Full PDB file with SEQRES, HELIX, SHEET, SSBOND, CRYST1, ORIGX, SCALE, CONECT and MASTER records, all heavy atoms in Angstrom:
SEQRES   1 A   31  MET VAL ILE TYR THR GLY THR THR ASP ALA LYS LYS GLY          
SEQRES   2 A   31  ASP ILE ILE GLU VAL TYR GLY THR ILE TYR GLY THR TYR          
SEQRES   3 A   31  ALA PHE ASP ASP ALA                                          
CRYST1    1.000    1.000    1.000  90.00  90.00  90.00 P 1           1          
ORIGX1      1.000000  0.000000  0.000000        0.00000                         
ORIGX2      0.000000  1.000000  0.000000        0.00000                         
ORIGX3      0.000000  0.000000  1.000000        0.00000                         
SCALE1      1.000000  0.000000  0.000000        0.00000                         
SCALE2      0.000000  1.000000  0.000000        0.00000                         
SCALE3      0.000000  0.000000  1.000000        0.00000                         
ATOM      1  N   MET A   1    -115.280 -39.208  16.513  1.00  0.00           N  
ATOM      2  CA  MET A   1    -114.727 -40.333  15.631  1.00  0.00           C  
ATOM      3  C   MET A   1    -113.205 -40.287  15.755  1.00  0.00           C  
ATOM      4  O   MET A   1    -112.537 -39.308  15.475  1.00  0.00           O  
ATOM      5  CB  MET A   1    -115.054 -40.143  14.188  1.00  0.00           C  
ATOM      6  CG  MET A   1    -114.567 -41.223  13.242  1.00  0.00           C  
ATOM      7  SD  MET A   1    -115.293 -42.803  13.556  1.00  0.00           S  
ATOM      8  CE  MET A   1    -116.882 -42.588  12.745  1.00  0.00           C  
ATOM      9  N   VAL A   2    -112.670 -41.402  16.292  1.00  0.00           N  
ATOM     10  CA  VAL A   2    -111.263 -41.536  16.466  1.00  0.00           C  
ATOM     11  C   VAL A   2    -110.673 -42.290  15.189  1.00  0.00           C  
ATOM     12  O   VAL A   2    -111.129 -43.387  14.952  1.00  0.00           O  
ATOM     13  CB  VAL A   2    -110.847 -42.281  17.746  1.00  0.00           C  
ATOM     14  CG1 VAL A   2    -109.357 -42.536  17.798  1.00  0.00           C  
ATOM     15  CG2 VAL A   2    -111.320 -41.456  19.002  1.00  0.00           C  
ATOM     16  N   ILE A   3    -109.757 -41.684  14.536  1.00  0.00           N  
ATOM     17  CA  ILE A   3    -109.179 -42.286  13.352  1.00  0.00           C  
ATOM     18  C   ILE A   3    -107.756 -42.702  13.659  1.00  0.00           C  
ATOM     19  O   ILE A   3    -106.929 -41.894  14.052  1.00  0.00           O  
ATOM     20  CB  ILE A   3    -109.082 -41.229  12.214  1.00  0.00           C  
ATOM     21  CG1 ILE A   3    -110.529 -40.570  12.041  1.00  0.00           C  
ATOM     22  CG2 ILE A   3    -108.636 -41.837  10.917  1.00  0.00           C  
ATOM     23  CD1 ILE A   3    -110.504 -39.155  11.490  1.00  0.00           C  
ATOM     24  N   TYR A   4    -107.535 -44.046  13.510  1.00  0.00           N  
ATOM     25  CA  TYR A   4    -106.200 -44.536  13.949  1.00  0.00           C  
ATOM     26  C   TYR A   4    -105.584 -45.438  12.859  1.00  0.00           C  
ATOM     27  O   TYR A   4    -106.257 -46.417  12.427  1.00  0.00           O  
ATOM     28  CB  TYR A   4    -106.300 -45.325  15.261  1.00  0.00           C  
ATOM     29  CG  TYR A   4    -105.059 -45.920  15.710  1.00  0.00           C  
ATOM     30  CD1 TYR A   4    -103.974 -45.115  16.113  1.00  0.00           C  
ATOM     31  CD2 TYR A   4    -104.912 -47.237  15.871  1.00  0.00           C  
ATOM     32  CE1 TYR A   4    -102.759 -45.654  16.559  1.00  0.00           C  
ATOM     33  CE2 TYR A   4    -103.674 -47.823  16.305  1.00  0.00           C  
ATOM     34  CZ  TYR A   4    -102.678 -46.988  16.663  1.00  0.00           C  
ATOM     35  OH  TYR A   4    -101.455 -47.493  17.176  1.00  0.00           O  
ATOM     36  N   THR A   5    -104.437 -45.182  12.369  1.00  0.00           N  
ATOM     37  CA  THR A   5    -103.716 -46.017  11.427  1.00  0.00           C  
ATOM     38  C   THR A   5    -102.703 -46.791  12.195  1.00  0.00           C  
ATOM     39  O   THR A   5    -101.720 -46.317  12.669  1.00  0.00           O  
ATOM     40  CB  THR A   5    -103.052 -45.158  10.343  1.00  0.00           C  
ATOM     41  OG1 THR A   5    -104.046 -44.368   9.674  1.00  0.00           O  
ATOM     42  CG2 THR A   5    -102.324 -46.057   9.310  1.00  0.00           C  
ATOM     43  N   GLY A   6    -102.966 -48.121  12.252  1.00  0.00           N  
ATOM     44  CA  GLY A   6    -102.128 -48.994  12.995  1.00  0.00           C  
ATOM     45  C   GLY A   6    -102.892 -50.194  13.511  1.00  0.00           C  
ATOM     46  O   GLY A   6    -104.001 -50.453  13.127  1.00  0.00           O  
ATOM     47  N   THR A   7    -102.286 -50.935  14.433  1.00  0.00           N  
ATOM     48  CA  THR A   7    -102.997 -52.070  15.015  1.00  0.00           C  
ATOM     49  C   THR A   7    -103.391 -51.830  16.462  1.00  0.00           C  
ATOM     50  O   THR A   7    -102.653 -51.131  17.139  1.00  0.00           O  
ATOM     51  CB  THR A   7    -102.093 -53.358  14.942  1.00  0.00           C  
ATOM     52  OG1 THR A   7    -100.886 -53.076  15.700  1.00  0.00           O  
ATOM     53  CG2 THR A   7    -101.739 -53.680  13.500  1.00  0.00           C  
ATOM     54  N   THR A   8    -104.558 -52.257  16.866  1.00  0.00           N  
ATOM     55  CA  THR A   8    -105.073 -52.111  18.247  1.00  0.00           C  
ATOM     56  C   THR A   8    -105.989 -53.242  18.525  1.00  0.00           C  
ATOM     57  O   THR A   8    -106.757 -53.757  17.662  1.00  0.00           O  
ATOM     58  CB  THR A   8    -105.755 -50.794  18.439  1.00  0.00           C  
ATOM     59  OG1 THR A   8    -106.250 -50.693  19.765  1.00  0.00           O  
ATOM     60  CG2 THR A   8    -106.832 -50.568  17.394  1.00  0.00           C  
ATOM     61  N   ASP A   9    -106.015 -53.670  19.779  1.00  0.00           N  
ATOM     62  CA  ASP A   9    -106.928 -54.674  20.210  1.00  0.00           C  
ATOM     63  C   ASP A   9    -108.211 -54.105  20.794  1.00  0.00           C  
ATOM     64  O   ASP A   9    -109.139 -54.826  21.273  1.00  0.00           O  
ATOM     65  CB  ASP A   9    -106.261 -55.579  21.371  1.00  0.00           C  
ATOM     66  CG  ASP A   9    -105.080 -56.298  20.820  1.00  0.00           C  
ATOM     67  OD1 ASP A   9    -105.128 -56.687  19.575  1.00  0.00           O  
ATOM     68  OD2 ASP A   9    -104.147 -56.558  21.523  1.00  0.00           O  
ATOM     69  N   ALA A  10    -108.345 -52.781  20.744  1.00  0.00           N  
ATOM     70  CA  ALA A  10    -109.477 -52.130  21.303  1.00  0.00           C  
ATOM     71  C   ALA A  10    -110.821 -52.547  20.592  1.00  0.00           C  
ATOM     72  O   ALA A  10    -110.796 -52.725  19.311  1.00  0.00           O  
ATOM     73  CB  ALA A  10    -109.411 -50.571  21.122  1.00  0.00           C  
ATOM     74  N   LYS A  11    -111.908 -52.831  21.385  1.00  0.00           N  
ATOM     75  CA  LYS A  11    -113.111 -53.304  20.851  1.00  0.00           C  
ATOM     76  C   LYS A  11    -114.284 -52.562  21.461  1.00  0.00           C  
ATOM     77  O   LYS A  11    -114.140 -51.859  22.417  1.00  0.00           O  
ATOM     78  CB  LYS A  11    -113.209 -54.784  20.994  1.00  0.00           C  
ATOM     79  CG  LYS A  11    -113.209 -55.250  22.423  1.00  0.00           C  
ATOM     80  CD  LYS A  11    -113.216 -56.751  22.567  1.00  0.00           C  
ATOM     81  CE  LYS A  11    -113.256 -57.204  23.987  1.00  0.00           C  
ATOM     82  NZ  LYS A  11    -112.073 -56.824  24.762  1.00  0.00           N  
ATOM     83  N   LYS A  12    -115.456 -52.779  20.922  1.00  0.00           N  
ATOM     84  CA  LYS A  12    -116.657 -52.108  21.467  1.00  0.00           C  
ATOM     85  C   LYS A  12    -116.773 -52.391  22.957  1.00  0.00           C  
ATOM     86  O   LYS A  12    -116.657 -53.532  23.424  1.00  0.00           O  
ATOM     87  CB  LYS A  12    -117.888 -52.650  20.730  1.00  0.00           C  
ATOM     88  CG  LYS A  12    -119.205 -51.971  21.180  1.00  0.00           C  
ATOM     89  CD  LYS A  12    -120.357 -52.501  20.393  1.00  0.00           C  
ATOM     90  CE  LYS A  12    -121.615 -51.857  20.801  1.00  0.00           C  
ATOM     91  NZ  LYS A  12    -122.784 -52.393  20.030  1.00  0.00           N  
ATOM     92  N   GLY A  13    -117.101 -51.388  23.721  1.00  0.00           N  
ATOM     93  CA  GLY A  13    -117.251 -51.437  25.188  1.00  0.00           C  
ATOM     94  C   GLY A  13    -116.003 -51.146  25.949  1.00  0.00           C  
ATOM     95  O   GLY A  13    -116.049 -50.874  27.187  1.00  0.00           O  
ATOM     96  N   ASP A  14    -114.807 -51.189  25.275  1.00  0.00           N  
ATOM     97  CA  ASP A  14    -113.599 -50.929  26.000  1.00  0.00           C  
ATOM     98  C   ASP A  14    -113.480 -49.453  26.446  1.00  0.00           C  
ATOM     99  O   ASP A  14    -113.949 -48.531  25.671  1.00  0.00           O  
ATOM    100  CB  ASP A  14    -112.374 -51.264  25.131  1.00  0.00           C  
ATOM    101  CG  ASP A  14    -112.187 -52.815  25.064  1.00  0.00           C  
ATOM    102  OD1 ASP A  14    -112.714 -53.524  25.853  1.00  0.00           O  
ATOM    103  OD2 ASP A  14    -111.341 -53.183  24.169  1.00  0.00           O  
ATOM    104  N   ILE A  15    -112.781 -49.238  27.537  1.00  0.00           N  
ATOM    105  CA  ILE A  15    -112.463 -47.798  27.919  1.00  0.00           C  
ATOM    106  C   ILE A  15    -111.032 -47.546  27.425  1.00  0.00           C  
ATOM    107  O   ILE A  15    -110.155 -48.321  27.719  1.00  0.00           O  
ATOM    108  CB  ILE A  15    -112.584 -47.615  29.438  1.00  0.00           C  
ATOM    109  CG1 ILE A  15    -113.919 -48.052  30.007  1.00  0.00           C  
ATOM    110  CG2 ILE A  15    -112.281 -46.162  29.804  1.00  0.00           C  
ATOM    111  CD1 ILE A  15    -115.125 -47.304  29.390  1.00  0.00           C  
ATOM    112  N   ILE A  16    -110.893 -46.494  26.677  1.00  0.00           N  
ATOM    113  CA  ILE A  16    -109.558 -46.273  26.068  1.00  0.00           C  
ATOM    114  C   ILE A  16    -109.068 -44.821  26.395  1.00  0.00           C  
ATOM    115  O   ILE A  16    -109.842 -43.921  26.647  1.00  0.00           O  
ATOM    116  CB  ILE A  16    -109.515 -46.496  24.569  1.00  0.00           C  
ATOM    117  CG1 ILE A  16    -110.507 -45.511  23.839  1.00  0.00           C  
ATOM    118  CG2 ILE A  16    -109.829 -47.904  24.191  1.00  0.00           C  
ATOM    119  CD1 ILE A  16    -110.449 -45.578  22.308  1.00  0.00           C  
ATOM    120  N   GLU A  17    -107.776 -44.666  26.325  1.00  0.00           N  
ATOM    121  CA  GLU A  17    -107.134 -43.354  26.371  1.00  0.00           C  
ATOM    122  C   GLU A  17    -106.559 -43.110  24.941  1.00  0.00           C  
ATOM    123  O   GLU A  17    -105.938 -44.025  24.406  1.00  0.00           O  
ATOM    124  CB  GLU A  17    -106.014 -43.290  27.391  1.00  0.00           C  
ATOM    125  CG  GLU A  17    -106.496 -43.168  28.803  1.00  0.00           C  
ATOM    126  CD  GLU A  17    -105.368 -42.969  29.777  1.00  0.00           C  
ATOM    127  OE1 GLU A  17    -104.318 -43.635  29.533  1.00  0.00           O  
ATOM    128  OE2 GLU A  17    -105.430 -42.164  30.680  1.00  0.00           O  
ATOM    129  N   VAL A  18    -106.759 -41.863  24.500  1.00  0.00           N  
ATOM    130  CA  VAL A  18    -106.324 -41.499  23.116  1.00  0.00           C  
ATOM    131  C   VAL A  18    -105.532 -40.265  23.142  1.00  0.00           C  
ATOM    132  O   VAL A  18    -105.899 -39.264  23.775  1.00  0.00           O  
ATOM    133  CB  VAL A  18    -107.518 -41.282  22.190  1.00  0.00           C  
ATOM    134  CG1 VAL A  18    -107.069 -40.821  20.783  1.00  0.00           C  
ATOM    135  CG2 VAL A  18    -108.357 -42.560  22.024  1.00  0.00           C  
ATOM    136  N   TYR A  19    -104.241 -40.321  22.546  1.00  0.00           N  
ATOM    137  CA  TYR A  19    -103.518 -39.070  22.348  1.00  0.00           C  
ATOM    138  C   TYR A  19    -103.444 -38.927  20.835  1.00  0.00           C  
ATOM    139  O   TYR A  19    -103.288 -39.797  20.066  1.00  0.00           O  
ATOM    140  CB  TYR A  19    -102.100 -39.287  22.894  1.00  0.00           C  
ATOM    141  CG  TYR A  19    -101.922 -39.276  24.411  1.00  0.00           C  
ATOM    142  CD1 TYR A  19    -101.998 -40.407  25.147  1.00  0.00           C  
ATOM    143  CD2 TYR A  19    -101.713 -38.076  25.019  1.00  0.00           C  
ATOM    144  CE1 TYR A  19    -101.949 -40.409  26.526  1.00  0.00           C  
ATOM    145  CE2 TYR A  19    -101.588 -37.977  26.408  1.00  0.00           C  
ATOM    146  CZ  TYR A  19    -101.688 -39.211  27.148  1.00  0.00           C  
ATOM    147  OH  TYR A  19    -101.661 -39.185  28.541  1.00  0.00           O  
ATOM    148  N   GLY A  20    -103.535 -37.690  20.491  1.00  0.00           N  
ATOM    149  CA  GLY A  20    -103.559 -37.347  19.003  1.00  0.00           C  
ATOM    150  C   GLY A  20    -103.781 -35.902  18.751  1.00  0.00           C  
ATOM    151  O   GLY A  20    -103.435 -35.020  19.556  1.00  0.00           O  
ATOM    152  N   THR A  21    -104.331 -35.636  17.563  1.00  0.00           N  
ATOM    153  CA  THR A  21    -104.561 -34.204  17.169  1.00  0.00           C  
ATOM    154  C   THR A  21    -106.049 -34.150  16.691  1.00  0.00           C  
ATOM    155  O   THR A  21    -106.582 -35.196  16.136  1.00  0.00           O  
ATOM    156  CB  THR A  21    -103.633 -33.779  16.067  1.00  0.00           C  
ATOM    157  OG1 THR A  21    -103.751 -34.693  14.946  1.00  0.00           O  
ATOM    158  CG2 THR A  21    -102.245 -33.645  16.515  1.00  0.00           C  
ATOM    159  N   ILE A  22    -106.619 -32.974  16.772  1.00  0.00           N  
ATOM    160  CA  ILE A  22    -108.019 -32.762  16.322  1.00  0.00           C  
ATOM    161  C   ILE A  22    -107.993 -32.736  14.787  1.00  0.00           C  
ATOM    162  O   ILE A  22    -107.272 -31.981  14.216  1.00  0.00           O  
ATOM    163  CB  ILE A  22    -108.513 -31.493  16.888  1.00  0.00           C  
ATOM    164  CG1 ILE A  22    -108.659 -31.601  18.411  1.00  0.00           C  
ATOM    165  CG2 ILE A  22    -110.003 -31.194  16.368  1.00  0.00           C  
ATOM    166  CD1 ILE A  22    -108.963 -30.309  19.146  1.00  0.00           C  
ATOM    167  N   TYR A  23    -108.863 -33.620  14.195  1.00  0.00           N  
ATOM    168  CA  TYR A  23    -108.957 -33.728  12.825  1.00  0.00           C  
ATOM    169  C   TYR A  23    -109.765 -32.570  12.173  1.00  0.00           C  
ATOM    170  O   TYR A  23    -109.510 -32.143  11.053  1.00  0.00           O  
ATOM    171  CB  TYR A  23    -109.557 -35.054  12.411  1.00  0.00           C  
ATOM    172  CG  TYR A  23    -109.948 -35.311  11.001  1.00  0.00           C  
ATOM    173  CD1 TYR A  23    -109.001 -35.730  10.116  1.00  0.00           C  
ATOM    174  CD2 TYR A  23    -111.203 -35.042  10.513  1.00  0.00           C  
ATOM    175  CE1 TYR A  23    -109.372 -36.000   8.744  1.00  0.00           C  
ATOM    176  CE2 TYR A  23    -111.565 -35.252   9.198  1.00  0.00           C  
ATOM    177  CZ  TYR A  23    -110.634 -35.737   8.347  1.00  0.00           C  
ATOM    178  OH  TYR A  23    -110.997 -35.936   7.017  1.00  0.00           O  
ATOM    179  N   GLY A  24    -110.772 -32.215  12.891  1.00  0.00           N  
ATOM    180  CA  GLY A  24    -111.792 -31.241  12.425  1.00  0.00           C  
ATOM    181  C   GLY A  24    -113.117 -32.002  12.322  1.00  0.00           C  
ATOM    182  O   GLY A  24    -113.405 -32.844  13.091  1.00  0.00           O  
ATOM    183  N   THR A  25    -113.926 -31.543  11.340  1.00  0.00           N  
ATOM    184  CA  THR A  25    -115.198 -32.168  11.147  1.00  0.00           C  
ATOM    185  C   THR A  25    -115.033 -33.481  10.298  1.00  0.00           C  
ATOM    186  O   THR A  25    -114.476 -33.502   9.259  1.00  0.00           O  
ATOM    187  CB  THR A  25    -116.124 -31.253  10.287  1.00  0.00           C  
ATOM    188  OG1 THR A  25    -116.312 -30.024  11.073  1.00  0.00           O  
ATOM    189  CG2 THR A  25    -117.520 -31.883  10.134  1.00  0.00           C  
ATOM    190  N   TYR A  26    -115.539 -34.519  10.943  1.00  0.00           N  
ATOM    191  CA  TYR A  26    -115.474 -35.868  10.262  1.00  0.00           C  
ATOM    192  C   TYR A  26    -116.898 -36.170   9.699  1.00  0.00           C  
ATOM    193  O   TYR A  26    -117.863 -36.128  10.516  1.00  0.00           O  
ATOM    194  CB  TYR A  26    -114.981 -36.943  11.189  1.00  0.00           C  
ATOM    195  CG  TYR A  26    -114.850 -38.256  10.442  1.00  0.00           C  
ATOM    196  CD1 TYR A  26    -113.747 -38.581   9.707  1.00  0.00           C  
ATOM    197  CD2 TYR A  26    -115.908 -39.186  10.437  1.00  0.00           C  
ATOM    198  CE1 TYR A  26    -113.615 -39.750   8.999  1.00  0.00           C  
ATOM    199  CE2 TYR A  26    -115.793 -40.375   9.744  1.00  0.00           C  
ATOM    200  CZ  TYR A  26    -114.640 -40.674   9.045  1.00  0.00           C  
ATOM    201  OH  TYR A  26    -114.587 -41.824   8.259  1.00  0.00           O  
ATOM    202  N   ALA A  27    -117.045 -36.424   8.450  1.00  0.00           N  
ATOM    203  CA  ALA A  27    -118.391 -36.716   7.844  1.00  0.00           C  
ATOM    204  C   ALA A  27    -118.379 -38.103   7.184  1.00  0.00           C  
ATOM    205  O   ALA A  27    -117.394 -38.546   6.692  1.00  0.00           O  
ATOM    206  CB  ALA A  27    -118.710 -35.576   6.770  1.00  0.00           C  
ATOM    207  N   PHE A  28    -119.472 -38.785   7.330  1.00  0.00           N  
ATOM    208  CA  PHE A  28    -119.668 -40.062   6.681  1.00  0.00           C  
ATOM    209  C   PHE A  28    -121.189 -40.284   6.497  1.00  0.00           C  
ATOM    210  O   PHE A  28    -122.037 -39.597   7.113  1.00  0.00           O  
ATOM    211  CB  PHE A  28    -119.149 -41.152   7.622  1.00  0.00           C  
ATOM    212  CG  PHE A  28    -119.807 -41.355   8.913  1.00  0.00           C  
ATOM    213  CD1 PHE A  28    -120.808 -42.274   9.116  1.00  0.00           C  
ATOM    214  CD2 PHE A  28    -119.397 -40.473  10.011  1.00  0.00           C  
ATOM    215  CE1 PHE A  28    -121.428 -42.381  10.385  1.00  0.00           C  
ATOM    216  CE2 PHE A  28    -120.006 -40.630  11.268  1.00  0.00           C  
ATOM    217  CZ  PHE A  28    -121.025 -41.555  11.379  1.00  0.00           C  
ATOM    218  N   ASP A  29    -121.524 -41.198   5.601  1.00  0.00           N  
ATOM    219  CA  ASP A  29    -122.904 -41.568   5.302  1.00  0.00           C  
ATOM    220  C   ASP A  29    -123.332 -42.818   6.018  1.00  0.00           C  
ATOM    221  O   ASP A  29    -122.548 -43.826   6.135  1.00  0.00           O  
ATOM    222  CB  ASP A  29    -123.133 -41.787   3.812  1.00  0.00           C  
ATOM    223  CG  ASP A  29    -122.940 -40.490   3.002  1.00  0.00           C  
ATOM    224  OD1 ASP A  29    -123.062 -39.395   3.626  1.00  0.00           O  
ATOM    225  OD2 ASP A  29    -122.621 -40.603   1.836  1.00  0.00           O  
ATOM    226  N   ASP A  30    -124.474 -42.786   6.745  1.00  0.00           N  
ATOM    227  CA  ASP A  30    -124.921 -43.942   7.440  1.00  0.00           C  
ATOM    228  C   ASP A  30    -125.606 -44.923   6.463  1.00  0.00           C  
ATOM    229  O   ASP A  30    -125.601 -44.720   5.229  1.00  0.00           O  
ATOM    230  CB  ASP A  30    -125.947 -43.566   8.592  1.00  0.00           C  
ATOM    231  CG  ASP A  30    -127.193 -42.896   8.096  1.00  0.00           C  
ATOM    232  OD1 ASP A  30    -127.409 -42.953   6.867  1.00  0.00           O  
ATOM    233  OD2 ASP A  30    -127.924 -42.368   8.906  1.00  0.00           O  
ATOM    234  N   ALA A  31    -126.155 -46.024   7.022  1.00  0.00           N  
ATOM    235  CA  ALA A  31    -126.728 -47.005   6.156  1.00  0.00           C  
ATOM    236  C   ALA A  31    -127.988 -46.482   5.306  1.00  0.00           C  
ATOM    237  O   ALA A  31    -128.260 -47.071   4.237  1.00  0.00           O  
ATOM    238  CB  ALA A  31    -127.273 -48.169   7.022  1.00  0.00           C  
TER     239      ALA A  31                                                      
MASTER        0    0    0    0    0    0    0    6  238    1    0    3          
END                                                                             
């Protein structure tokens, strides 16, 4: 899960490069 605060045109299917830091364990509830 990539967490980004800002604006980006990236959409599903795009190939992206990401620079950042490891957040750790990301947890969320599905539907």
